Amino acid sequence: MNRQELQKSIIKSLSWLSNEVSINNKLNLTDINVHSENFYRDLLNLAFDFELININIIDQNATAIDLGDEINSFAIQVTSTSKLDKTKHTVEKFVEKKMYEQYDRLVILNIVEKTAHKALSVGDESYTLDTKKDIWDVGDLAVKFNDFPLEKLQEINQFLNNELYSKPTEALPKNVITILKLIELISDEEHPSIGEGYLEEPFPMEKIYQRFSDHSEFLESEYLVLYQDYGAVLDAVEKGADIGAVKLKRVAQHLRRYSDTVLNECSGNPKAALERIIDHFLNLLQQNGIDADTGAAQFYIIKQLIMCNVFPNKAAISG
């Protein structure tokens, strides 16, 4: 991934977590708040080279902070409540326990979208928290990550993928991994072959106009539009990527069997079945943190239909 793609992927992951916390809290499912403490401990340690530890593991009565880094004199309260009252309570406890003697700076990290407080600061002469600089949310983290070196962004993105997506790519069948990899590769907006696709005779007559005559206009228009952007890229990827003919053959076999099952479930309607298959692979891409666009997935699946690997004739399924 390039810098822009990494930034988009990181933002998507952080936004997903923020939404999950918000929804869980509305349902009074607050366990996710506890898990968020260790998640943000590890994320911030990775991003900023902090040495934060979870204070609650050591002292369950440490109500003022959740994470502490004594070496860098930095403390963090992780919260899903952005109200000013919560901010005041945190700072009051921080002052009451004289934690400012141990930590020079306290940051309140909202794992949902923060509220813009009218008060510019909270505290007293012992310690004052700047409500503009010392209250962060995922948007602030994204901005802070923005200027990081590419290698650091790659590390952060990989960490987020590992932590947030419950179905790691390694757990998927090899042929499915190959499909996801192909879709990811043809999503590359900087590929030199993008937009160079050109077709003279795109459709086997017996496939589109005979078997799916009621939907031939839809299939043809979808394919022609998408081919211009992705056709030449896919050709280049299949020739140049380290995938090989054997893997492509096994992918085709998997698609034949899977798509026929979906087509039967959709009462033979290829339009409905295509949408279901495309959604299936888009969900797999998202669950595994793979950055790919919808058009790439649509084109790849429709291209396989044209090649008779999707919705095959019955003779091809047993072949």
Protein backbone atom coordinates (compact mmCIF):
# COMPACT_ATOMS: atom_id res chain seq x y z
CA MET A 1 0.00 0.00 0.00
CA ASN A 2 1.13 3.56 -0.60
CA ARG A 3 0.91 6.33 2.02
CA GLN A 4 -2.62 7.45 1.07
CA GLU A 5 -3.95 3.89 1.08
CA LEU A 6 -2.39 3.21 4.48
CA GLN A 7 -3.87 6.40 5.91
CA LYS A 8 -7.33 5.46 4.61
CA SER A 9 -7.04 1.96 6.04
CA ILE A 10 -5.96 3.27 9.46
CA ILE A 11 -8.82 5.79 9.54
CA LYS A 12 -11.31 3.08 8.59
CA SER A 13 -10.08 0.81 11.40
CA LEU A 14 -10.11 3.51 14.07
CA SER A 15 -13.56 4.70 12.96
CA TRP A 16 -14.87 1.14 13.05
CA LEU A 17 -13.70 0.69 16.64
CA SER A 18 -15.19 4.03 17.70
CA ASN A 19 -18.56 3.06 16.22
CA GLU A 20 -18.43 -0.37 17.87
CA VAL A 21 -17.82 1.18 21.29
CA SER A 22 -20.61 3.71 20.79
CA ILE A 23 -23.15 1.05 19.79
CA ASN A 24 -22.12 -1.32 22.58
CA ASN A 25 -22.44 1.44 25.16
CA LYS A 26 -25.96 2.24 23.96
CA LEU A 27 -26.82 -1.40 24.63
CA ASN A 28 -25.06 -1.27 28.03
CA LEU A 29 -22.45 -3.75 26.79
CA THR A 30 -19.44 -2.12 28.43
CA ASP A 31 -16.91 -4.97 28.35
CA ILE A 32 -15.49 -3.48 25.17
CA ASN A 33 -14.40 -0.41 27.18
CA VAL A 34 -12.15 -2.60 29.34
CA HIS A 35 -10.59 -4.29 26.33
CA SER A 36 -10.02 -0.87 24.76
CA GLU A 37 -7.56 0.07 27.50
CA ASN A 38 -5.07 -2.62 26.49
CA PHE A 39 -5.74 -2.03 22.80
CA TYR A 40 -4.86 1.66 23.09
CA ARG A 41 -1.92 0.90 25.38
CA ASP A 42 -0.37 -1.24 22.66
CA LEU A 43 -1.34 1.11 19.83
CA LEU A 44 0.12 4.20 21.52
CA ASN A 45 3.27 2.36 22.56
CA LEU A 46 3.78 1.31 18.95
CA ALA A 47 2.95 4.71 17.46
CA PHE A 48 4.75 7.05 19.86
CA ASP A 49 7.36 4.74 21.43
CA PHE A 50 5.70 5.14 24.82
CA GLU A 51 6.10 2.58 27.59
CA LEU A 52 2.55 2.67 28.88
CA ILE A 53 1.30 0.01 31.24
CA ASN A 54 -2.26 -0.64 32.34
CA ILE A 55 -2.42 0.92 35.80
CA ASN A 56 -5.75 -0.78 36.55
CA ILE A 57 -4.04 -4.16 36.46
CA ILE A 58 -1.71 -3.00 39.24
CA ASP A 59 -4.07 -0.72 41.17
CA GLN A 60 -7.80 -1.21 40.59
CA ASN A 61 -8.50 1.95 42.58
CA ALA A 62 -6.53 4.16 40.20
CA THR A 63 -9.62 6.02 39.05
CA ALA A 64 -7.73 9.03 37.72
CA ILE A 65 -5.82 7.23 34.96
CA ASP A 66 -5.87 3.92 33.08
CA LEU A 67 -2.46 3.93 31.41
CA GLY A 68 0.81 5.27 32.75
CA ASP A 69 4.33 5.71 31.41
CA GLU A 70 6.66 6.64 34.28
CA ILE A 71 9.70 6.87 32.04
CA ASN A 72 8.15 9.52 29.79
CA SER A 73 6.02 10.92 32.63
CA PHE A 74 2.82 10.50 30.60
CA ALA A 75 -0.62 9.35 31.79
CA ILE A 76 -3.81 8.53 29.90
CA GLN A 77 -7.44 8.14 30.90
CA VAL A 78 -9.28 6.01 28.33
CA THR A 79 -12.98 6.83 28.31
CA SER A 80 -16.11 6.47 26.23
CA THR A 81 -17.71 9.49 27.96
CA SER A 82 -16.90 12.86 26.45
CA LYS A 83 -18.93 15.08 28.81
CA LEU A 84 -17.25 17.94 30.66
CA ASP A 85 -18.29 16.47 34.01
CA LYS A 86 -16.25 13.36 33.27
CA THR A 87 -13.23 15.48 32.32
CA LYS A 88 -13.52 17.49 35.54
CA HIS A 89 -13.87 14.33 37.63
CA THR A 90 -10.77 12.79 36.06
CA VAL A 91 -8.64 15.88 36.65
CA GLU A 92 -9.94 16.25 40.21
CA LYS A 93 -8.90 12.68 41.03
CA PHE A 94 -5.55 13.22 39.31
CA VAL A 95 -4.94 16.25 41.55
CA GLU A 96 -6.39 14.65 44.69
CA LYS A 97 -3.99 11.71 44.43
CA LYS A 98 -1.11 14.03 43.53
CA MET A 99 -0.42 12.03 40.41
CA TYR A 100 1.08 15.15 38.83
CA GLU A 101 4.13 14.41 40.97
CA GLN A 102 4.58 11.17 39.01
CA TYR A 103 3.28 12.23 35.59
CA ASP A 104 3.96 15.59 33.95
CA ARG A 105 1.11 15.24 31.48
CA LEU A 106 -2.39 13.77 31.56
CA VAL A 107 -4.26 13.06 28.32
CA ILE A 108 -7.90 12.02 28.14
CA LEU A 109 -8.46 9.70 25.20
CA ASN A 110 -12.07 9.49 24.04
CA ILE A 111 -12.73 6.22 22.23
CA VAL A 112 -15.87 7.83 20.81
CA GLU A 113 -16.01 11.28 19.22
CA LYS A 114 -14.97 13.92 21.72
CA THR A 115 -17.03 16.94 22.73
CA ALA A 116 -15.65 20.45 22.21
CA HIS A 117 -15.63 21.92 25.72
CA LYS A 118 -16.24 25.64 26.15
CA ALA A 119 -13.84 25.67 29.08
CA LEU A 120 -10.27 26.05 27.78
CA SER A 121 -8.79 24.34 30.83
CA VAL A 122 -9.78 22.19 33.79
CA GLY A 123 -7.95 21.93 37.12
CA ASP A 124 -6.33 24.21 39.69
CA GLU A 125 -2.96 25.67 40.57
CA SER A 126 -1.58 22.16 41.20
CA TYR A 127 -2.36 20.82 37.73
CA THR A 128 -4.25 22.15 34.72
CA LEU A 129 -5.45 20.15 31.73
CA ASP A 130 -5.69 21.94 28.36
CA THR A 131 -9.01 20.84 26.86
CA LYS A 132 -7.79 21.58 23.33
CA LYS A 133 -4.43 19.82 23.40
CA ASP A 134 -4.93 17.18 26.08
CA ILE A 135 -8.21 15.60 25.01
CA TRP A 136 -7.83 13.24 22.05
CA ASP A 137 -10.15 11.09 19.99
CA VAL A 138 -9.59 8.84 16.96
CA GLY A 139 -9.62 11.88 14.67
CA ASP A 140 -6.73 13.41 16.60
CA LEU A 141 -4.81 10.13 16.42
CA ALA A 142 -5.31 9.99 12.65
CA VAL A 143 -3.93 13.53 12.33
CA LYS A 144 -0.93 12.69 14.55
CA PHE A 145 -0.22 9.56 12.50
CA ASN A 146 -0.41 11.54 9.26
CA ASP A 147 3.23 12.66 9.22
CA PHE A 148 4.71 9.37 10.36
CA PRO A 149 7.25 7.61 8.10
CA LEU A 150 5.78 5.04 5.72
CA GLU A 151 7.32 2.15 7.69
CA LYS A 152 5.58 3.30 10.88
CA LEU A 153 2.23 3.60 9.08
CA GLN A 154 2.67 0.06 7.81
CA GLU A 155 3.31 -1.19 11.34
CA ILE A 156 0.26 0.65 12.70
CA ASN A 157 -1.96 -0.62 9.90
CA GLN A 158 -0.81 -4.21 10.45
CA PHE A 159 -1.43 -3.89 14.19
CA LEU A 160 -4.97 -2.59 13.60
CA ASN A 161 -5.72 -5.39 11.14
CA ASN A 162 -4.46 -8.02 13.58
CA GLU A 163 -6.36 -6.60 16.55
CA LEU A 164 -9.69 -5.53 15.06
CA TYR A 165 -10.60 -8.08 12.44
CA SER A 166 -11.71 -11.39 13.84
CA LYS A 167 -11.07 -13.56 10.79
CA PRO A 168 -7.39 -13.52 9.87
CA THR A 169 -6.54 -14.21 6.25
CA GLU A 170 -4.49 -17.26 7.24
CA ALA A 171 -7.66 -19.02 8.44
CA LEU A 172 -9.24 -18.86 4.98
CA PRO A 173 -8.86 -21.53 2.27
CA LYS A 174 -5.86 -20.88 0.03
CA ASN A 175 -7.96 -20.40 -3.09
CA VAL A 176 -10.08 -17.76 -1.32
CA ILE A 177 -6.91 -15.96 -0.22
CA THR A 178 -5.82 -15.92 -3.87
CA ILE A 179 -9.14 -14.34 -4.92
CA LEU A 180 -8.82 -11.64 -2.26
CA LYS A 181 -5.22 -10.98 -3.30
CA LEU A 182 -6.24 -10.59 -6.95
CA ILE A 183 -9.02 -8.15 -6.07
CA GLU A 184 -6.61 -6.17 -3.89
CA LEU A 185 -4.04 -5.99 -6.70
CA ILE A 186 -6.47 -4.80 -9.35
CA SER A 187 -7.69 -2.10 -6.95
CA ASP A 188 -4.32 -0.36 -7.28
CA GLU A 189 -5.15 3.18 -8.44
CA GLU A 190 -1.56 3.74 -9.57
CA HIS A 191 -1.19 0.62 -11.72
CA PRO A 192 0.25 1.64 -15.15
CA SER A 193 -2.43 -0.37 -17.01
CA ILE A 194 -5.43 1.26 -15.35
CA GLY A 195 -8.01 2.58 -17.81
CA GLU A 196 -6.47 0.78 -20.79
CA GLY A 197 -8.96 -2.07 -21.06
CA TYR A 198 -10.50 -2.52 -24.50
CA LEU A 199 -12.82 -5.23 -25.82
CA GLU A 200 -14.03 -6.06 -29.32
CA GLU A 201 -16.03 -9.24 -28.66
CA PRO A 202 -16.51 -9.58 -24.91
CA PHE A 203 -19.20 -12.23 -24.61
CA PRO A 204 -19.56 -15.89 -25.50
CA MET A 205 -22.99 -15.90 -27.14
CA GLU A 206 -24.20 -19.10 -25.55
CA LYS A 207 -23.38 -17.84 -22.04
CA ILE A 208 -24.81 -14.34 -21.86
CA TYR A 209 -27.45 -14.16 -24.54
CA GLN A 210 -28.81 -17.69 -24.24
CA ARG A 211 -28.45 -18.92 -20.68
CA PHE A 212 -29.07 -15.50 -19.10
CA SER A 213 -31.07 -13.80 -21.83
CA ASP A 214 -33.36 -11.99 -19.35
CA HIS A 215 -30.34 -10.35 -17.72
CA SER A 216 -27.96 -10.07 -20.69
CA GLU A 217 -28.31 -6.28 -20.98
CA PHE A 218 -27.42 -5.79 -17.31
CA LEU A 219 -24.44 -8.17 -17.45
CA GLU A 220 -23.11 -6.67 -20.68
CA SER A 221 -23.33 -3.05 -19.51
CA GLU A 222 -21.70 -3.84 -16.14
CA TYR A 223 -18.85 -5.71 -17.76
CA LEU A 224 -18.11 -3.17 -20.48
CA VAL A 225 -17.96 -0.24 -18.04
CA LEU A 226 -15.76 -2.06 -15.54
CA TYR A 227 -13.46 -3.61 -18.14
CA GLN A 228 -12.10 -0.23 -19.21
CA ASP A 229 -10.76 0.44 -15.72
CA TYR A 230 -9.80 -3.05 -14.56
CA GLY A 231 -9.44 -5.32 -17.58
CA ALA A 232 -5.87 -4.53 -18.55
CA VAL A 233 -4.85 -4.37 -14.88
CA LEU A 234 -6.16 -7.89 -14.23
CA ASP A 235 -4.39 -9.21 -17.33
CA ALA A 236 -1.13 -7.66 -16.14
CA VAL A 237 -1.60 -8.92 -12.58
CA GLU A 238 -2.31 -12.49 -13.67
CA LYS A 239 0.81 -12.46 -15.85
CA GLY A 240 3.12 -10.59 -13.51
CA ALA A 241 2.06 -11.45 -9.97
CA ASP A 242 3.51 -14.47 -8.21
CA ILE A 243 0.30 -16.48 -8.37
CA GLY A 244 0.79 -19.10 -11.06
CA ALA A 245 -1.43 -21.19 -13.31
CA VAL A 246 -2.12 -23.88 -10.71
CA LYS A 247 -3.53 -21.39 -8.20
CA LEU A 248 -5.65 -19.73 -10.89
CA LYS A 249 -7.03 -23.11 -11.91
CA ARG A 250 -7.97 -23.95 -8.33
CA VAL A 251 -9.58 -20.53 -7.92
CA ALA A 252 -11.70 -21.20 -10.99
CA GLN A 253 -12.77 -24.57 -9.61
CA HIS A 254 -13.74 -23.00 -6.27
CA LEU A 255 -15.76 -20.27 -7.99
CA ARG A 256 -17.60 -22.77 -10.18
CA ARG A 257 -18.85 -24.76 -7.22
CA TYR A 258 -19.54 -21.83 -4.90
CA SER A 259 -21.34 -19.69 -7.49
CA ASP A 260 -23.55 -22.55 -8.62
CA THR A 261 -24.71 -23.02 -5.03
CA VAL A 262 -25.51 -19.32 -4.72
CA LEU A 263 -27.29 -19.27 -8.07
CA ASN A 264 -29.55 -22.14 -6.95
CA GLU A 265 -30.27 -20.30 -3.69
CA CYS A 266 -31.29 -17.25 -5.76
CA SER A 267 -33.72 -19.28 -7.91
CA GLY A 268 -31.51 -18.98 -10.98
CA ASN A 269 -31.43 -15.16 -10.96
CA PRO A 270 -27.82 -14.23 -11.93
CA LYS A 271 -28.26 -10.56 -10.97
CA ALA A 272 -29.25 -11.41 -7.39
CA ALA A 273 -26.62 -14.14 -7.18
CA LEU A 274 -23.89 -11.82 -8.46
CA GLU A 275 -24.75 -9.24 -5.82
CA ARG A 276 -24.59 -11.89 -3.11
CA ILE A 277 -21.25 -13.25 -4.31
CA ILE A 278 -19.71 -9.78 -4.63
CA ASP A 279 -20.95 -8.85 -1.14
CA HIS A 280 -19.46 -12.09 0.19
CA PHE A 281 -15.99 -11.25 -1.08
CA LEU A 282 -16.24 -7.58 -0.09
CA ASN A 283 -17.06 -8.70 3.46
CA LEU A 284 -14.05 -11.03 3.47
CA LEU A 285 -11.84 -8.18 2.29
CA GLN A 286 -13.10 -5.90 5.06
CA GLN A 287 -12.86 -8.56 7.78
CA ASN A 288 -9.26 -9.20 6.86
CA GLY A 289 -8.28 -5.53 6.61
CA ILE A 290 -7.53 -5.75 2.87
CA ASP A 291 -7.88 -2.42 1.09
CA ALA A 292 -9.84 -2.96 -2.14
CA ASP A 293 -12.62 -1.14 -3.95
CA THR A 294 -16.11 -2.35 -4.87
CA GLY A 295 -15.57 -1.94 -8.60
CA ALA A 296 -12.57 -4.27 -8.54
CA ALA A 297 -14.61 -6.98 -6.83
CA GLN A 298 -17.52 -6.50 -9.24
CA PHE A 299 -15.28 -6.70 -12.26
CA TYR A 300 -13.38 -9.77 -11.08
CA ILE A 301 -16.55 -11.77 -10.40
CA ILE A 302 -18.26 -10.75 -13.66
CA LYS A 303 -15.06 -11.56 -15.57
CA GLN A 304 -15.17 -15.05 -14.08
CA LEU A 305 -18.78 -15.34 -15.21
CA ILE A 306 -17.73 -14.50 -18.76
CA MET A 307 -15.05 -17.20 -18.52
CA CYS A 308 -17.70 -19.69 -17.29
CA ASN A 309 -16.06 -19.98 -13.86
CA VAL A 310 -19.08 -18.30 -12.24
CA PHE A 311 -22.49 -19.85 -12.84
CA PRO A 312 -20.97 -22.65 -14.96
CA ASN A 313 -22.86 -25.04 -17.14
CA LYS A 314 -23.61 -28.19 -15.16
CA ALA A 315 -20.99 -30.17 -17.06
CA ALA A 316 -18.29 -27.77 -15.87
CA ILE A 317 -19.12 -28.23 -12.18
CA SER A 318 -18.18 -31.89 -12.13
CA GLY A 319 -15.13 -31.30 -14.30
